[in-house]
Protein backbone atom coordinates (compact mmCIF):
# COMPACT_ATOMS: atom_id res chain seq x y z
CA MET A 1 -101.33 -34.76 -173.31
CA GLY A 2 -99.31 -37.05 -170.84
CA LEU A 3 -99.17 -40.75 -170.16
CA GLN A 4 -102.44 -42.02 -169.74
CA PRO A 5 -103.28 -45.70 -168.27
CA GLY A 6 -104.06 -47.10 -171.90
CA ASP A 7 -100.56 -46.75 -172.89
CA LEU A 8 -99.17 -49.11 -170.71
CA ASN A 9 -99.58 -51.97 -173.26
CA GLU A 10 -97.13 -54.27 -171.74
CA SER A 11 -96.75 -56.68 -168.46
CA ILE A 12 -93.65 -56.39 -166.72
CA VAL A 13 -91.54 -58.36 -164.09
CA PHE A 14 -89.07 -56.50 -161.50
CA GLN A 15 -86.39 -58.88 -160.39
CA ALA A 16 -84.01 -57.99 -157.75
CA VAL A 17 -81.05 -60.35 -156.47
CA SER A 18 -81.52 -62.90 -154.04
CA THR A 19 -78.93 -64.69 -151.90
CA VAL A 20 -79.75 -68.38 -151.99
CA PRO A 21 -78.20 -71.52 -150.15
CA ASP A 22 -76.53 -74.26 -152.39
CA ALA A 23 -76.73 -78.29 -152.68
CA ILE A 24 -73.27 -78.62 -150.76
CA GLY A 25 -73.17 -75.41 -148.27
CA GLY A 26 -72.55 -72.30 -149.76
CA GLN A 27 -74.52 -69.45 -151.01
CA VAL A 28 -75.33 -68.44 -154.54
CA GLN A 29 -76.89 -65.45 -155.98
CA SER A 30 -80.90 -66.04 -157.56
CA TRP A 31 -82.94 -62.77 -159.00
CA ALA A 32 -86.00 -63.63 -157.20
CA THR A 33 -89.40 -61.36 -158.30
CA VAL A 34 -90.02 -58.27 -156.57
CA GLY A 35 -93.95 -57.70 -155.85
CA ALA A 36 -96.65 -58.31 -158.65
CA PRO A 37 -96.47 -57.44 -162.26
CA SER A 38 -96.96 -54.50 -163.70
CA TRP A 39 -97.90 -52.42 -166.66
CA ALA A 40 -95.36 -50.26 -168.24
CA ARG A 41 -94.92 -48.71 -171.83
CA ILE A 42 -91.54 -48.87 -172.78
CA THR A 43 -89.78 -46.96 -175.17
CA PRO A 44 -86.62 -46.79 -176.80
CA LEU A 45 -84.93 -43.14 -176.10
CA SER A 46 -84.11 -40.97 -178.95
CA ALA A 47 -80.47 -40.69 -180.35
CA ARG A 48 -80.39 -37.30 -178.51
CA ASP A 49 -80.79 -38.75 -175.12
CA GLN A 50 -78.33 -41.57 -175.71
CA VAL A 51 -75.80 -39.54 -176.74
CA VAL A 52 -76.23 -36.60 -173.33
CA ALA A 53 -76.80 -39.92 -171.27
CA MET A 54 -73.12 -41.02 -172.69
CA GLN A 55 -71.74 -37.91 -172.00
CA THR A 56 -72.90 -39.00 -168.14
CA GLY A 57 -71.28 -41.85 -167.84
CA ASN A 58 -74.53 -43.35 -168.07
CA SER A 59 -75.35 -46.14 -171.03
CA THR A 60 -79.86 -45.77 -171.04
CA GLN A 61 -80.93 -47.29 -173.53
CA TYR A 62 -84.83 -47.24 -172.57
CA ARG A 63 -87.43 -45.61 -170.89
CA ALA A 64 -90.36 -47.88 -168.79
CA ASP A 65 -93.49 -45.60 -168.00
CA LEU A 66 -95.49 -47.40 -165.26
CA TYR A 67 -97.55 -46.61 -162.23
CA GLN A 68 -95.39 -45.29 -159.26
CA ARG A 69 -94.27 -48.36 -156.69
CA ARG A 70 -91.90 -47.44 -154.05
CA ASP A 71 -90.16 -50.99 -153.97
CA ILE A 72 -88.50 -50.32 -157.17
CA THR A 73 -84.64 -49.67 -156.47
CA ALA A 74 -81.53 -48.77 -159.23
CA ASP A 75 -79.95 -52.32 -158.25
CA MET A 76 -83.06 -54.38 -159.76
CA ARG A 77 -84.04 -55.55 -162.99
CA ILE A 78 -86.65 -55.28 -165.63
CA LEU A 79 -87.73 -58.83 -167.05
CA ARG A 80 -90.18 -58.44 -170.24
CA ASN A 81 -92.48 -60.66 -171.66
CA ASP A 82 -90.38 -61.61 -174.56
CA GLY A 83 -87.24 -62.97 -172.39
CA THR A 84 -85.12 -59.82 -172.93
CA VAL A 85 -83.48 -58.77 -169.40
CA LEU A 86 -83.13 -54.63 -169.24
CA GLU A 87 -80.90 -53.52 -166.08
CA ILE A 88 -82.40 -50.62 -164.35
CA THR A 89 -80.33 -47.48 -164.41
CA GLY A 90 -82.24 -45.01 -162.78
CA VAL A 91 -85.91 -44.52 -161.58
CA LEU A 92 -87.36 -41.31 -161.13
CA ILE A 93 -90.48 -40.46 -159.03
CA GLU A 94 -92.60 -38.35 -161.23
CA ARG A 95 -94.12 -35.36 -158.94
CA ASN A 96 -98.05 -34.57 -159.44
CA THR A 97 -98.62 -37.58 -161.29
CA ALA A 98 -99.55 -41.32 -160.80
CA PHE A 99 -96.78 -42.30 -162.94
CA MET A 100 -92.60 -43.07 -162.66
CA ALA A 101 -90.24 -43.73 -164.60
CA VAL A 102 -87.79 -46.03 -164.79
CA LEU A 103 -84.26 -45.53 -167.69
CA CYS A 104 -82.73 -48.91 -168.50
CA LYS A 105 -80.36 -51.00 -170.98
CA VAL A 106 -80.15 -54.03 -172.85
CA GLN A 107 -78.22 -56.60 -169.58
CA ALA A 108 -75.22 -57.77 -171.20
CA ARG A 109 -75.57 -61.73 -170.83
């Protein structure tokens, strides 16, 4: 059986970089929330999946499953309720289903 709505057990926020003016006339980059929060299921990838990802130069560590959204891109990030920031490494729109998958890794500080 596939993903069910009840499997989505964590509210997450997507953020994108935006440029805003600073106090001295310059500009700084800041993260801004995109759209409304989404319910998701975030699971760590299996060791096998992580090895395959590393072989392709990708350091994906997690998969976030959620209802499809068209405003999510790979240059965004996910903010979890516990404050953890996940950098998006890929966005997969699933066919014939209401769900999508977002591949991500813990963002370096």
